[in-house]
Amino acid sequence: MEGKRQTWNRLDWTGLYWTGLDWTGLDWTGMAWTGLDWAELDWIRLDWTGLDVAGQHCTGLDLIGMDWTGQTWTRLDWTGLFWPGLDWTGLDWPGLAGTELDWTGLDCTGLDCTGLDWTRLN
């Protein structure tokens, strides 16, 4: 899949299972995720350990306006995930459960969290 040519607006992820997915070399540059509905995507116990995201570009990724309502990231393991330059400005996380969220090994070099509202992350 070539991220730069793909439009994910209003894409339905219902029932998607990502375990063991290899994102190596995937280029998300300029990808607009605005309005993407993750409400029914079940990421519970999703294991990112050892995920090779070398060459993945998240610069310019637009997460503003994304609806995370009902999403549960409980016990999510981000080990080894690398998101340099990702802009989360204005992202709202209403209803996102972050209990026992494990950020171990997450390299956020250059990550811009300006305007990110963590107060509603429960």
PDB file of N, CA and C in Angstrom:
ATOM      1  N   MET A   1       0.842  -1.188   0.000  1.00  0.00           N
ATOM      2  CA  MET A   1       0.000   0.000   0.000  1.00  0.00           C
ATOM      3  C   MET A   1       0.877   1.238   0.000  1.00  0.00           C
ATOM      4  N   GLU A   2       0.550   2.201  -0.847  1.00  0.00           N
ATOM      5  CA  GLU A   2       1.324   3.418  -0.902  1.00  0.00           C
ATOM      6  C   GLU A   2       0.536   4.526  -0.230  1.00  0.00           C
ATOM      7  N   GLY A   3       0.973   4.884   1.027  1.00  0.00           N
ATOM      8  CA  GLY A   3       0.256   5.847   1.828  1.00  0.00           C
ATOM      9  C   GLY A   3      -0.013   7.177   1.158  1.00  0.00           C
ATOM     10  N   LYS A   4       0.923   7.642   0.336  1.00  0.00           N
ATOM     11  CA  LYS A   4       0.776   8.956  -0.268  1.00  0.00           C
ATOM     12  C   LYS A   4      -0.369   9.024  -1.276  1.00  0.00           C
ATOM     13  N   ARG A   5      -0.802   7.893  -1.774  1.00  0.00           N
ATOM     14  CA  ARG A   5      -1.862   7.874  -2.772  1.00  0.00           C
ATOM     15  C   ARG A   5      -3.201   7.463  -2.173  1.00  0.00           C
ATOM     16  N   GLN A   6      -3.162   7.051  -0.922  1.00  0.00           N
ATOM     17  CA  GLN A   6      -4.355   6.521  -0.286  1.00  0.00           C
ATOM     18  C   GLN A   6      -5.112   7.592   0.484  1.00  0.00           C
ATOM     19  N   THR A   7      -6.424   7.619   0.347  1.00  0.00           N
ATOM     20  CA  THR A   7      -7.261   8.517   1.129  1.00  0.00           C
ATOM     21  C   THR A   7      -8.015   7.687   2.159  1.00  0.00           C
ATOM     22  N   TRP A   8      -7.768   7.983   3.434  1.00  0.00           N
ATOM     23  CA  TRP A   8      -8.348   7.173   4.504  1.00  0.00           C
ATOM     24  C   TRP A   8      -9.509   7.873   5.205  1.00  0.00           C
ATOM     25  N   ASN A   9      -9.901   9.043   4.717  1.00  0.00           N
ATOM     26  CA  ASN A   9     -10.990   9.773   5.354  1.00  0.00           C
ATOM     27  C   ASN A   9     -12.261   8.934   5.427  1.00  0.00           C
ATOM     28  N   ARG A  10     -12.834   8.895   6.614  1.00  0.00           N
ATOM     29  CA  ARG A  10     -14.068   8.163   6.863  1.00  0.00           C
ATOM     30  C   ARG A  10     -13.953   6.667   6.582  1.00  0.00           C
ATOM     31  N   LEU A  11     -12.736   6.147   6.637  1.00  0.00           N
ATOM     32  CA  LEU A  11     -12.511   4.717   6.442  1.00  0.00           C
ATOM     33  C   LEU A  11     -12.994   3.931   7.665  1.00  0.00           C
ATOM     34  N   ASP A  12     -13.625   2.793   7.436  1.00  0.00           N
ATOM     35  CA  ASP A  12     -14.168   1.974   8.517  1.00  0.00           C
ATOM     36  C   ASP A  12     -13.206   0.843   8.864  1.00  0.00           C
ATOM     37  N   TRP A  13     -12.650   0.888  10.092  1.00  0.00           N
ATOM     38  CA  TRP A  13     -11.665  -0.100  10.539  1.00  0.00           C
ATOM     39  C   TRP A  13     -12.303  -1.219  11.368  1.00  0.00           C
ATOM     40  N   THR A  14     -13.622  -1.261  11.420  1.00  0.00           N
ATOM     41  CA  THR A  14     -14.325  -2.227  12.262  1.00  0.00           C
ATOM     42  C   THR A  14     -13.824  -3.661  12.076  1.00  0.00           C
ATOM     43  N   GLY A  15     -13.391  -4.257  13.196  1.00  0.00           N
ATOM     44  CA  GLY A  15     -12.971  -5.654  13.178  1.00  0.00           C
ATOM     45  C   GLY A  15     -11.561  -5.903  12.659  1.00  0.00           C
ATOM     46  N   LEU A  16     -10.828  -4.835  12.373  1.00  0.00           N
ATOM     47  CA  LEU A  16      -9.477  -5.007  11.855  1.00  0.00           C
ATOM     48  C   LEU A  16      -8.529  -5.578  12.916  1.00  0.00           C
ATOM     49  N   TYR A  17      -7.717  -6.537  12.527  1.00  0.00           N
ATOM     50  CA  TYR A  17      -6.789  -7.205  13.437  1.00  0.00           C
ATOM     51  C   TYR A  17      -5.369  -6.970  12.949  1.00  0.00           C
ATOM     52  N   TRP A  18      -4.559  -6.233  13.739  1.00  0.00           N
ATOM     53  CA  TRP A  18      -3.238  -5.802  13.278  1.00  0.00           C
ATOM     54  C   TRP A  18      -2.068  -6.584  13.838  1.00  0.00           C
ATOM     55  N   THR A  19      -2.313  -7.619  14.595  1.00  0.00           N
ATOM     56  CA  THR A  19      -1.230  -8.344  15.238  1.00  0.00           C
ATOM     57  C   THR A  19      -0.213  -8.868  14.225  1.00  0.00           C
ATOM     58  N   GLY A  20       1.061  -8.521  14.462  1.00  0.00           N
ATOM     59  CA  GLY A  20       2.138  -8.999  13.610  1.00  0.00           C
ATOM     60  C   GLY A  20       2.301  -8.238  12.294  1.00  0.00           C
ATOM     61  N   LEU A  21       1.540  -7.146  12.138  1.00  0.00           N
ATOM     62  CA  LEU A  21       1.622  -6.363  10.911  1.00  0.00           C
ATOM     63  C   LEU A  21       2.985  -5.681  10.776  1.00  0.00           C
ATOM     64  N   ASP A  22       3.599  -5.786   9.605  1.00  0.00           N
ATOM     65  CA  ASP A  22       4.909  -5.183   9.363  1.00  0.00           C
ATOM     66  C   ASP A  22       4.765  -3.887   8.564  1.00  0.00           C
ATOM     67  N   TRP A  23       5.106  -2.761   9.217  1.00  0.00           N
ATOM     68  CA  TRP A  23       4.950  -1.436   8.611  1.00  0.00           C
ATOM     69  C   TRP A  23       6.263  -0.943   7.997  1.00  0.00           C
ATOM     70  N   THR A  24       7.247  -1.786   7.904  1.00  0.00           N
ATOM     71  CA  THR A  24       8.575  -1.390   7.444  1.00  0.00           C
ATOM     72  C   THR A  24       8.534  -0.609   6.129  1.00  0.00           C
ATOM     73  N   GLY A  25       9.118   0.603   6.173  1.00  0.00           N
ATOM     74  CA  GLY A  25       9.249   1.410   4.970  1.00  0.00           C
ATOM     75  C   GLY A  25       7.979   2.115   4.513  1.00  0.00           C
ATOM     76  N   LEU A  26       6.886   1.957   5.252  1.00  0.00           N
ATOM     77  CA  LEU A  26       5.635   2.598   4.872  1.00  0.00           C
ATOM     78  C   LEU A  26       5.750   4.113   5.008  1.00  0.00           C
ATOM     79  N   ASP A  27       5.411   4.846   3.978  1.00  0.00           N
ATOM     80  CA  ASP A  27       5.550   6.300   3.968  1.00  0.00           C
ATOM     81  C   ASP A  27       4.192   6.980   4.150  1.00  0.00           C
ATOM     82  N   TRP A  28       4.014   7.613   5.311  1.00  0.00           N
ATOM     83  CA  TRP A  28       2.746   8.263   5.631  1.00  0.00           C
ATOM     84  C   TRP A  28       2.786   9.765   5.347  1.00  0.00           C
ATOM     85  N   THR A  29       3.880  10.245   4.777  1.00  0.00           N
ATOM     86  CA  THR A  29       4.049  11.675   4.547  1.00  0.00           C
ATOM     87  C   THR A  29       2.855  12.271   3.802  1.00  0.00           C
ATOM     88  N   GLY A  30       2.263  13.311   4.392  1.00  0.00           N
ATOM     89  CA  GLY A  30       1.140  13.989   3.756  1.00  0.00           C
ATOM     90  C   GLY A  30      -0.196  13.274   3.886  1.00  0.00           C
ATOM     91  N   MET A  31      -0.209  12.150   4.587  1.00  0.00           N
ATOM     92  CA  MET A  31      -1.450  11.397   4.760  1.00  0.00           C
ATOM     93  C   MET A  31      -2.421  12.157   5.670  1.00  0.00           C
ATOM     94  N   ALA A  32      -3.636  12.350   5.230  1.00  0.00           N
ATOM     95  CA  ALA A  32      -4.643  13.028   6.039  1.00  0.00           C
ATOM     96  C   ALA A  32      -5.585  12.005   6.670  1.00  0.00           C
ATOM     97  N   TRP A  33      -5.574  11.935   7.992  1.00  0.00           N
ATOM     98  CA  TRP A  33      -6.435  10.991   8.701  1.00  0.00           C
ATOM     99  C   TRP A  33      -7.649  11.695   9.302  1.00  0.00           C
ATOM    100  N   THR A  34      -7.835  12.959   8.906  1.00  0.00           N
ATOM    101  CA  THR A  34      -8.924  13.749   9.453  1.00  0.00           C
ATOM    102  C   THR A  34     -10.269  13.058   9.266  1.00  0.00           C
ATOM    103  N   GLY A  35     -11.013  12.941  10.353  1.00  0.00           N
ATOM    104  CA  GLY A  35     -12.335  12.333  10.297  1.00  0.00           C
ATOM    105  C   GLY A  35     -12.342  10.813  10.315  1.00  0.00           C
ATOM    106  N   LEU A  36     -11.165  10.195  10.415  1.00  0.00           N
ATOM    107  CA  LEU A  36     -11.083   8.741  10.458  1.00  0.00           C
ATOM    108  C   LEU A  36     -11.714   8.211  11.749  1.00  0.00           C
ATOM    109  N   ASP A  37     -12.576   7.218  11.628  1.00  0.00           N
ATOM    110  CA  ASP A  37     -13.291   6.679  12.776  1.00  0.00           C
ATOM    111  C   ASP A  37     -12.648   5.397  13.295  1.00  0.00           C
ATOM    112  N   TRP A  38     -11.978   5.521  14.462  1.00  0.00           N
ATOM    113  CA  TRP A  38     -11.304   4.381  15.093  1.00  0.00           C
ATOM    114  C   TRP A  38     -12.177   3.763  16.181  1.00  0.00           C
ATOM    115  N   ALA A  39     -13.412   4.247  16.312  1.00  0.00           N
ATOM    116  CA  ALA A  39     -14.271   3.893  17.439  1.00  0.00           C
ATOM    117  C   ALA A  39     -14.379   2.395  17.706  1.00  0.00           C
ATOM    118  N   GLU A  40     -14.449   1.607  16.653  1.00  0.00           N
ATOM    119  CA  GLU A  40     -14.657   0.178  16.851  1.00  0.00           C
ATOM    120  C   GLU A  40     -13.412  -0.661  16.607  1.00  0.00           C
ATOM    121  N   LEU A  41     -12.266   0.015  16.415  1.00  0.00           N
ATOM    122  CA  LEU A  41     -11.018  -0.722  16.215  1.00  0.00           C
ATOM    123  C   LEU A  41     -10.485  -1.198  17.565  1.00  0.00           C
ATOM    124  N   ASP A  42     -10.349  -2.495  17.719  1.00  0.00           N
ATOM    125  CA  ASP A  42      -9.924  -3.072  18.987  1.00  0.00           C
ATOM    126  C   ASP A  42      -8.411  -3.253  19.038  1.00  0.00           C
ATOM    127  N   TRP A  43      -7.723  -2.339  19.736  1.00  0.00           N
ATOM    128  CA  TRP A  43      -6.259  -2.404  19.864  1.00  0.00           C
ATOM    129  C   TRP A  43      -5.824  -2.999  21.191  1.00  0.00           C
ATOM    130  N   ILE A  44      -6.782  -3.518  21.949  1.00  0.00           N
ATOM    131  CA  ILE A  44      -6.463  -4.077  23.260  1.00  0.00           C
ATOM    132  C   ILE A  44      -5.439  -5.203  23.142  1.00  0.00           C
ATOM    133  N   ARG A  45      -4.395  -5.098  23.945  1.00  0.00           N
ATOM    134  CA  ARG A  45      -3.325  -6.087  23.992  1.00  0.00           C
ATOM    135  C   ARG A  45      -2.527  -6.178  22.689  1.00  0.00           C
ATOM    136  N   LEU A  46      -2.655  -5.173  21.828  1.00  0.00           N
ATOM    137  CA  LEU A  46      -1.870  -5.141  20.599  1.00  0.00           C
ATOM    138  C   LEU A  46      -0.392  -4.999  20.947  1.00  0.00           C
ATOM    139  N   ASP A  47       0.440  -5.843  20.391  1.00  0.00           N
ATOM    140  CA  ASP A  47       1.862  -5.865  20.730  1.00  0.00           C
ATOM    141  C   ASP A  47       2.722  -5.310  19.593  1.00  0.00           C
ATOM    142  N   TRP A  48       3.341  -4.144  19.845  1.00  0.00           N
ATOM    143  CA  TRP A  48       4.204  -3.495  18.866  1.00  0.00           C
ATOM    144  C   TRP A  48       5.665  -3.879  19.060  1.00  0.00           C
ATOM    145  N   THR A  49       5.942  -4.772  19.993  1.00  0.00           N
ATOM    146  CA  THR A  49       7.309  -5.148  20.316  1.00  0.00           C
ATOM    147  C   THR A  49       8.084  -5.613  19.088  1.00  0.00           C
ATOM    148  N   GLY A  50       9.228  -4.971  18.869  1.00  0.00           N
ATOM    149  CA  GLY A  50      10.084  -5.366  17.756  1.00  0.00           C
ATOM    150  C   GLY A  50       9.601  -4.895  16.392  1.00  0.00           C
ATOM    151  N   LEU A  51       8.529  -4.107  16.364  1.00  0.00           N
ATOM    152  CA  LEU A  51       8.002  -3.611  15.098  1.00  0.00           C
ATOM    153  C   LEU A  51       9.040  -2.731  14.410  1.00  0.00           C
ATOM    154  N   ASP A  52       9.364  -3.071  13.183  1.00  0.00           N
ATOM    155  CA  ASP A  52      10.375  -2.323  12.439  1.00  0.00           C
ATOM    156  C   ASP A  52       9.721  -1.225  11.618  1.00  0.00           C
ATOM    157  N   VAL A  53       9.844   0.015  12.095  1.00  0.00           N
ATOM    158  CA  VAL A  53       9.243   1.130  11.371  1.00  0.00           C
ATOM    159  C   VAL A  53      10.314   2.013  10.751  1.00  0.00           C
ATOM    160  N   ALA A  54      11.482   1.417  10.529  1.00  0.00           N
ATOM    161  CA  ALA A  54      12.569   2.170   9.905  1.00  0.00           C
ATOM    162  C   ALA A  54      12.113   2.700   8.555  1.00  0.00           C
ATOM    163  N   GLY A  55      12.323   3.987   8.349  1.00  0.00           N
ATOM    164  CA  GLY A  55      11.944   4.586   7.083  1.00  0.00           C
ATOM    165  C   GLY A  55      10.503   5.066   7.036  1.00  0.00           C
ATOM    166  N   GLN A  56       9.780   4.861   8.132  1.00  0.00           N
ATOM    167  CA  GLN A  56       8.400   5.338   8.179  1.00  0.00           C
ATOM    168  C   GLN A  56       8.395   6.832   8.443  1.00  0.00           C
ATOM    169  N   HIS A  57       7.662   7.573   7.635  1.00  0.00           N
ATOM    170  CA  HIS A  57       7.626   9.023   7.781  1.00  0.00           C
ATOM    171  C   HIS A  57       6.233   9.475   8.196  1.00  0.00           C
ATOM    172  N   CYS A  58       6.132  10.067   9.391  1.00  0.00           N
ATOM    173  CA  CYS A  58       4.841  10.538   9.872  1.00  0.00           C
ATOM    174  C   CYS A  58       4.742  12.056   9.782  1.00  0.00           C
ATOM    175  N   THR A  59       5.787  12.689   9.271  1.00  0.00           N
ATOM    176  CA  THR A  59       5.787  14.141   9.166  1.00  0.00           C
ATOM    177  C   THR A  59       4.601  14.617   8.336  1.00  0.00           C
ATOM    178  N   GLY A  60       3.861  15.572   8.879  1.00  0.00           N
ATOM    179  CA  GLY A  60       2.721  16.117   8.157  1.00  0.00           C
ATOM    180  C   GLY A  60       1.444  15.308   8.307  1.00  0.00           C
ATOM    181  N   LEU A  61       1.486  14.257   9.098  1.00  0.00           N
ATOM    182  CA  LEU A  61       0.295  13.440   9.336  1.00  0.00           C
ATOM    183  C   LEU A  61      -0.739  14.262  10.103  1.00  0.00           C
ATOM    184  N   ASP A  62      -1.935  14.370   9.581  1.00  0.00           N
ATOM    185  CA  ASP A  62      -2.977  15.185  10.187  1.00  0.00           C
ATOM    186  C   ASP A  62      -3.949  14.331  10.989  1.00  0.00           C
ATOM    187  N   LEU A  63      -3.806  14.393  12.329  1.00  0.00           N
ATOM    188  CA  LEU A  63      -4.687  13.615  13.197  1.00  0.00           C
ATOM    189  C   LEU A  63      -5.781  14.484  13.811  1.00  0.00           C
ATOM    190  N   ILE A  64      -5.747  15.799  13.463  1.00  0.00           N
ATOM    191  CA  ILE A  64      -6.711  16.734  14.027  1.00  0.00           C
ATOM    192  C   ILE A  64      -8.122  16.367  13.580  1.00  0.00           C
ATOM    193  N   GLY A  65      -9.025  16.311  14.518  1.00  0.00           N
ATOM    194  CA  GLY A  65     -10.411  16.017  14.197  1.00  0.00           C
ATOM    195  C   GLY A  65     -10.733  14.530  14.162  1.00  0.00           C
ATOM    196  N   MET A  66      -9.731  13.691  14.383  1.00  0.00           N
ATOM    197  CA  MET A  66      -9.975  12.251  14.404  1.00  0.00           C
ATOM    198  C   MET A  66     -10.816  11.869  15.624  1.00  0.00           C
ATOM    199  N   ASP A  67     -11.752  10.988  15.415  1.00  0.00           N
ATOM    200  CA  ASP A  67     -12.627  10.565  16.495  1.00  0.00           C
ATOM    201  C   ASP A  67     -12.107   9.286  17.150  1.00  0.00           C
ATOM    202  N   TRP A  68     -11.558   9.435  18.387  1.00  0.00           N
ATOM    203  CA  TRP A  68     -11.006   8.291  19.119  1.00  0.00           C
ATOM    204  C   TRP A  68     -12.009   7.753  20.138  1.00  0.00           C
ATOM    205  N   THR A  69     -13.232   8.290  20.105  1.00  0.00           N
ATOM    206  CA  THR A  69     -14.246   7.912  21.077  1.00  0.00           C
ATOM    207  C   THR A  69     -14.451   6.399  21.142  1.00  0.00           C
ATOM    208  N   GLY A  70     -14.407   5.874  22.355  1.00  0.00           N
ATOM    209  CA  GLY A  70     -14.636   4.449  22.564  1.00  0.00           C
ATOM    210  C   GLY A  70     -13.407   3.580  22.365  1.00  0.00           C
ATOM    211  N   GLN A  71     -12.287   4.208  22.017  1.00  0.00           N
ATOM    212  CA  GLN A  71     -11.070   3.436  21.785  1.00  0.00           C
ATOM    213  C   GLN A  71     -10.403   3.040  23.103  1.00  0.00           C
ATOM    214  N   THR A  72      -9.968   1.824  23.193  1.00  0.00           N
ATOM    215  CA  THR A  72      -9.295   1.338  24.389  1.00  0.00           C
ATOM    216  C   THR A  72      -7.874   0.904  24.061  1.00  0.00           C
ATOM    217  N   TRP A  73      -6.905   1.578  24.667  1.00  0.00           N
ATOM    218  CA  TRP A  73      -5.496   1.254  24.436  1.00  0.00           C
ATOM    219  C   TRP A  73      -4.881   0.560  25.643  1.00  0.00           C
ATOM    220  N   THR A  74      -5.729   0.018  26.496  1.00  0.00           N
ATOM    221  CA  THR A  74      -5.256  -0.633  27.709  1.00  0.00           C
ATOM    222  C   THR A  74      -4.201  -1.697  27.427  1.00  0.00           C
ATOM    223  N   ARG A  75      -3.080  -1.596  28.143  1.00  0.00           N
ATOM    224  CA  ARG A  75      -1.971  -2.541  28.038  1.00  0.00           C
ATOM    225  C   ARG A  75      -1.316  -2.556  26.649  1.00  0.00           C
ATOM    226  N   LEU A  76      -1.510  -1.484  25.891  1.00  0.00           N
ATOM    227  CA  LEU A  76      -0.888  -1.379  24.571  1.00  0.00           C
ATOM    228  C   LEU A  76       0.623  -1.198  24.712  1.00  0.00           C
ATOM    229  N   ASP A  77       1.384  -1.981  23.965  1.00  0.00           N
ATOM    230  CA  ASP A  77       2.843  -1.936  24.048  1.00  0.00           C
ATOM    231  C   ASP A  77       3.437  -1.252  22.811  1.00  0.00           C
ATOM    232  N   TRP A  78       4.061  -0.070  23.031  1.00  0.00           N
ATOM    233  CA  TRP A  78       4.617   0.725  21.941  1.00  0.00           C
ATOM    234  C   TRP A  78       6.114   0.496  21.764  1.00  0.00           C
ATOM    235  N   THR A  79       6.660  -0.498  22.397  1.00  0.00           N
ATOM    236  CA  THR A  79       8.100  -0.740  22.372  1.00  0.00           C
ATOM    237  C   THR A  79       8.683  -0.696  20.962  1.00  0.00           C
ATOM    238  N   GLY A  80       9.668   0.182  20.795  1.00  0.00           N
ATOM    239  CA  GLY A  80      10.384   0.255  19.531  1.00  0.00           C
ATOM    240  C   GLY A  80       9.739   1.122  18.456  1.00  0.00           C
ATOM    241  N   LEU A  81       8.563   1.682  18.751  1.00  0.00           N
ATOM    242  CA  LEU A  81       7.891   2.513  17.765  1.00  0.00           C
ATOM    243  C   LEU A  81       8.579   3.873  17.647  1.00  0.00           C
ATOM    244  N   PHE A  82       8.803   4.326  16.429  1.00  0.00           N
ATOM    245  CA  PHE A  82       9.533   5.570  16.179  1.00  0.00           C
ATOM    246  C   PHE A  82       8.706   6.514  15.308  1.00  0.00           C
ATOM    247  N   TRP A  83       8.286   7.651  15.885  1.00  0.00           N
ATOM    248  CA  TRP A  83       7.440   8.605  15.176  1.00  0.00           C
ATOM    249  C   TRP A  83       8.040  10.003  15.132  1.00  0.00           C
ATOM    250  N   PRO A  84       9.212  10.200  14.541  1.00  0.00           N
ATOM    251  CA  PRO A  84       9.840  11.525  14.522  1.00  0.00           C
ATOM    252  C   PRO A  84       9.017  12.536  13.740  1.00  0.00           C
ATOM    253  N   GLY A  85       8.867  13.728  14.336  1.00  0.00           N
ATOM    254  CA  GLY A  85       8.197  14.812  13.638  1.00  0.00           C
ATOM    255  C   GLY A  85       6.682  14.716  13.546  1.00  0.00           C
ATOM    256  N   LEU A  86       6.084  13.753  14.232  1.00  0.00           N
ATOM    257  CA  LEU A  86       4.632  13.595  14.187  1.00  0.00           C
ATOM    258  C   LEU A  86       3.949  14.781  14.869  1.00  0.00           C
ATOM    259  N   ASP A  87       3.007  15.396  14.190  1.00  0.00           N
ATOM    260  CA  ASP A  87       2.312  16.565  14.726  1.00  0.00           C
ATOM    261  C   ASP A  87       0.914  16.198  15.216  1.00  0.00           C
ATOM    262  N   TRP A  88       0.735  16.228  16.545  1.00  0.00           N
ATOM    263  CA  TRP A  88      -0.542  15.871  17.147  1.00  0.00           C
ATOM    264  C   TRP A  88      -1.317  17.110  17.582  1.00  0.00           C
ATOM    265  N   THR A  89      -0.920  18.268  17.075  1.00  0.00           N
ATOM    266  CA  THR A  89      -1.524  19.535  17.472  1.00  0.00           C
ATOM    267  C   THR A  89      -3.048  19.495  17.418  1.00  0.00           C
ATOM    268  N   GLY A  90      -3.669  19.835  18.532  1.00  0.00           N
ATOM    269  CA  GLY A  90      -5.124  19.918  18.593  1.00  0.00           C
ATOM    270  C   GLY A  90      -5.855  18.588  18.684  1.00  0.00           C
ATOM    271  N   LEU A  91      -5.114  17.474  18.767  1.00  0.00           N
ATOM    272  CA  LEU A  91      -5.759  16.165  18.847  1.00  0.00           C
ATOM    273  C   LEU A  91      -6.500  16.004  20.173  1.00  0.00           C
ATOM    274  N   ASP A  92      -7.732  15.548  20.081  1.00  0.00           N
ATOM    275  CA  ASP A  92      -8.568  15.347  21.263  1.00  0.00           C
ATOM    276  C   ASP A  92      -8.762  13.843  21.479  1.00  0.00           C
ATOM    277  N   TRP A  93      -8.579  13.395  22.741  1.00  0.00           N
ATOM    278  CA  TRP A  93      -8.643  11.966  23.048  1.00  0.00           C
ATOM    279  C   TRP A  93      -9.867  11.589  23.890  1.00  0.00           C
ATOM    280  N   PRO A  94     -11.047  12.144  23.659  1.00  0.00           N
ATOM    281  CA  PRO A  94     -12.180  11.852  24.534  1.00  0.00           C
ATOM    282  C   PRO A  94     -12.528  10.368  24.555  1.00  0.00           C
ATOM    283  N   GLY A  95     -12.713   9.844  25.768  1.00  0.00           N
ATOM    284  CA  GLY A  95     -13.128   8.455  25.911  1.00  0.00           C
ATOM    285  C   GLY A  95     -12.022   7.433  25.718  1.00  0.00           C
ATOM    286  N   LEU A  96     -10.800   7.887  25.456  1.00  0.00           N
ATOM    287  CA  LEU A  96      -9.700   6.945  25.264  1.00  0.00           C
ATOM    288  C   LEU A  96      -9.167   6.467  26.610  1.00  0.00           C
ATOM    289  N   ALA A  97      -9.212   5.168  26.828  1.00  0.00           N
ATOM    290  CA  ALA A  97      -8.746   4.603  28.089  1.00  0.00           C
ATOM    291  C   ALA A  97      -7.260   4.278  28.002  1.00  0.00           C
ATOM    292  N   GLY A  98      -6.447   4.941  28.829  1.00  0.00           N
ATOM    293  CA  GLY A  98      -5.003   4.742  28.769  1.00  0.00           C
ATOM    294  C   GLY A  98      -4.459   3.974  29.953  1.00  0.00           C
ATOM    295  N   THR A  99      -5.325   3.303  30.675  1.00  0.00           N
ATOM    296  CA  THR A  99      -4.913   2.544  31.839  1.00  0.00           C
ATOM    297  C   THR A  99      -3.830   1.526  31.501  1.00  0.00           C
ATOM    298  N   GLU A 100      -2.756   1.557  32.274  1.00  0.00           N
ATOM    299  CA  GLU A 100      -1.645   0.621  32.102  1.00  0.00           C
ATOM    300  C   GLU A 100      -0.993   0.733  30.723  1.00  0.00           C
ATOM    301  N   LEU A 101      -1.134   1.898  30.093  1.00  0.00           N
ATOM    302  CA  LEU A 101      -0.516   2.119  28.788  1.00  0.00           C
ATOM    303  C   LEU A 101       1.003   2.088  28.922  1.00  0.00           C
ATOM    304  N   ASP A 102       1.649   1.267  28.104  1.00  0.00           N
ATOM    305  CA  ASP A 102       3.094   1.100  28.189  1.00  0.00           C
ATOM    306  C   ASP A 102       3.805   1.795  27.025  1.00  0.00           C
ATOM    307  N   TRP A 103       4.497   2.915  27.339  1.00  0.00           N
ATOM    308  CA  TRP A 103       5.204   3.693  26.318  1.00  0.00           C
ATOM    309  C   TRP A 103       6.674   3.301  26.245  1.00  0.00           C
ATOM    310  N   THR A 104       7.051   2.233  26.880  1.00  0.00           N
ATOM    311  CA  THR A 104       8.444   1.791  26.922  1.00  0.00           C
ATOM    312  C   THR A 104       9.063   1.707  25.534  1.00  0.00           C
ATOM    313  N   GLY A 105      10.189   2.395  25.376  1.00  0.00           N
ATOM    314  CA  GLY A 105      10.927   2.311  24.126  1.00  0.00           C
ATOM    315  C   GLY A 105      10.407   3.212  23.016  1.00  0.00           C
ATOM    316  N   LEU A 106       9.342   3.984  23.296  1.00  0.00           N
ATOM    317  CA  LEU A 106       8.800   4.878  22.282  1.00  0.00           C
ATOM    318  C   LEU A 106       9.741   6.063  22.083  1.00  0.00           C
ATOM    319  N   ASP A 107      10.240   6.217  20.869  1.00  0.00           N
ATOM    320  CA  ASP A 107      11.153   7.309  20.555  1.00  0.00           C
ATOM    321  C   ASP A 107      10.376   8.442  19.901  1.00  0.00           C
ATOM    322  N   CYS A 108      10.142   9.498  20.671  1.00  0.00           N
ATOM    323  CA  CYS A 108       9.332  10.617  20.184  1.00  0.00           C
ATOM    324  C   CYS A 108      10.197  11.800  19.766  1.00  0.00           C
ATOM    325  N   THR A 109      11.387  11.526  19.281  1.00  0.00           N
ATOM    326  CA  THR A 109      12.281  12.588  18.845  1.00  0.00           C
ATOM    327  C   THR A 109      11.572  13.512  17.858  1.00  0.00           C
ATOM    328  N   GLY A 110      11.501  14.795  18.217  1.00  0.00           N
ATOM    329  CA  GLY A 110      10.875  15.764  17.337  1.00  0.00           C
ATOM    330  C   GLY A 110       9.357  15.749  17.370  1.00  0.00           C
ATOM    331  N   LEU A 111       8.783  14.977  18.276  1.00  0.00           N
ATOM    332  CA  LEU A 111       7.332  14.885  18.379  1.00  0.00           C
ATOM    333  C   LEU A 111       6.744  16.189  18.906  1.00  0.00           C
ATOM    334  N   ASP A 112       5.785  16.746  18.190  1.00  0.00           N
ATOM    335  CA  ASP A 112       5.139  17.988  18.587  1.00  0.00           C
ATOM    336  C   ASP A 112       3.787  17.686  19.215  1.00  0.00           C
ATOM    337  N   CYS A 113       3.723  17.821  20.541  1.00  0.00           N
ATOM    338  CA  CYS A 113       2.486  17.518  21.253  1.00  0.00           C
ATOM    339  C   CYS A 113       1.716  18.790  21.613  1.00  0.00           C
ATOM    340  N   THR A 114       2.105  19.904  20.995  1.00  0.00           N
ATOM    341  CA  THR A 114       1.449  21.172  21.258  1.00  0.00           C
ATOM    342  C   THR A 114      -0.056  21.063  21.057  1.00  0.00           C
ATOM    343  N   GLY A 115      -0.810  21.463  22.084  1.00  0.00           N
ATOM    344  CA  GLY A 115      -2.260  21.457  21.967  1.00  0.00           C
ATOM    345  C   GLY A 115      -2.901  20.100  22.199  1.00  0.00           C
ATOM    346  N   LEU A 116      -2.098  19.070  22.434  1.00  0.00           N
ATOM    347  CA  LEU A 116      -2.642  17.741  22.693  1.00  0.00           C
ATOM    348  C   LEU A 116      -3.289  17.714  24.076  1.00  0.00           C
ATOM    349  N   ASP A 117      -4.546  17.332  24.127  1.00  0.00           N
ATOM    350  CA  ASP A 117      -5.300  17.333  25.373  1.00  0.00           C
ATOM    351  C   ASP A 117      -5.280  15.961  26.041  1.00  0.00           C
ATOM    352  N   TRP A 118      -4.396  15.830  27.059  1.00  0.00           N
ATOM    353  CA  TRP A 118      -4.268  14.563  27.788  1.00  0.00           C
ATOM    354  C   TRP A 118      -5.210  14.524  28.992  1.00  0.00           C
ATOM    355  N   THR A 119      -5.853  15.668  29.293  1.00  0.00           N
ATOM    356  CA  THR A 119      -6.665  15.757  30.501  1.00  0.00           C
ATOM    357  C   THR A 119      -7.867  14.822  30.467  1.00  0.00           C
ATOM    358  N   ARG A 120      -8.315  14.491  29.280  1.00  0.00           N
ATOM    359  CA  ARG A 120      -9.484  13.634  29.157  1.00  0.00           C
ATOM    360  C   ARG A 120      -9.097  12.184  28.901  1.00  0.00           C
ATOM    361  N   LEU A 121      -7.794  11.915  28.948  1.00  0.00           N
ATOM    362  CA  LEU A 121      -7.315  10.548  28.790  1.00  0.00           C
ATOM    363  C   LEU A 121      -7.401   9.858  30.142  1.00  0.00           C
ATOM    364  N   ASN A 122      -8.354   8.925  30.253  1.00  0.00           N
ATOM    365  CA  ASN A 122      -8.581   8.326  31.569  1.00  0.00           C
ATOM    366  C   ASN A 122      -8.177   6.874  31.639  1.00  0.00           C
TER     367      ASN A 122
END
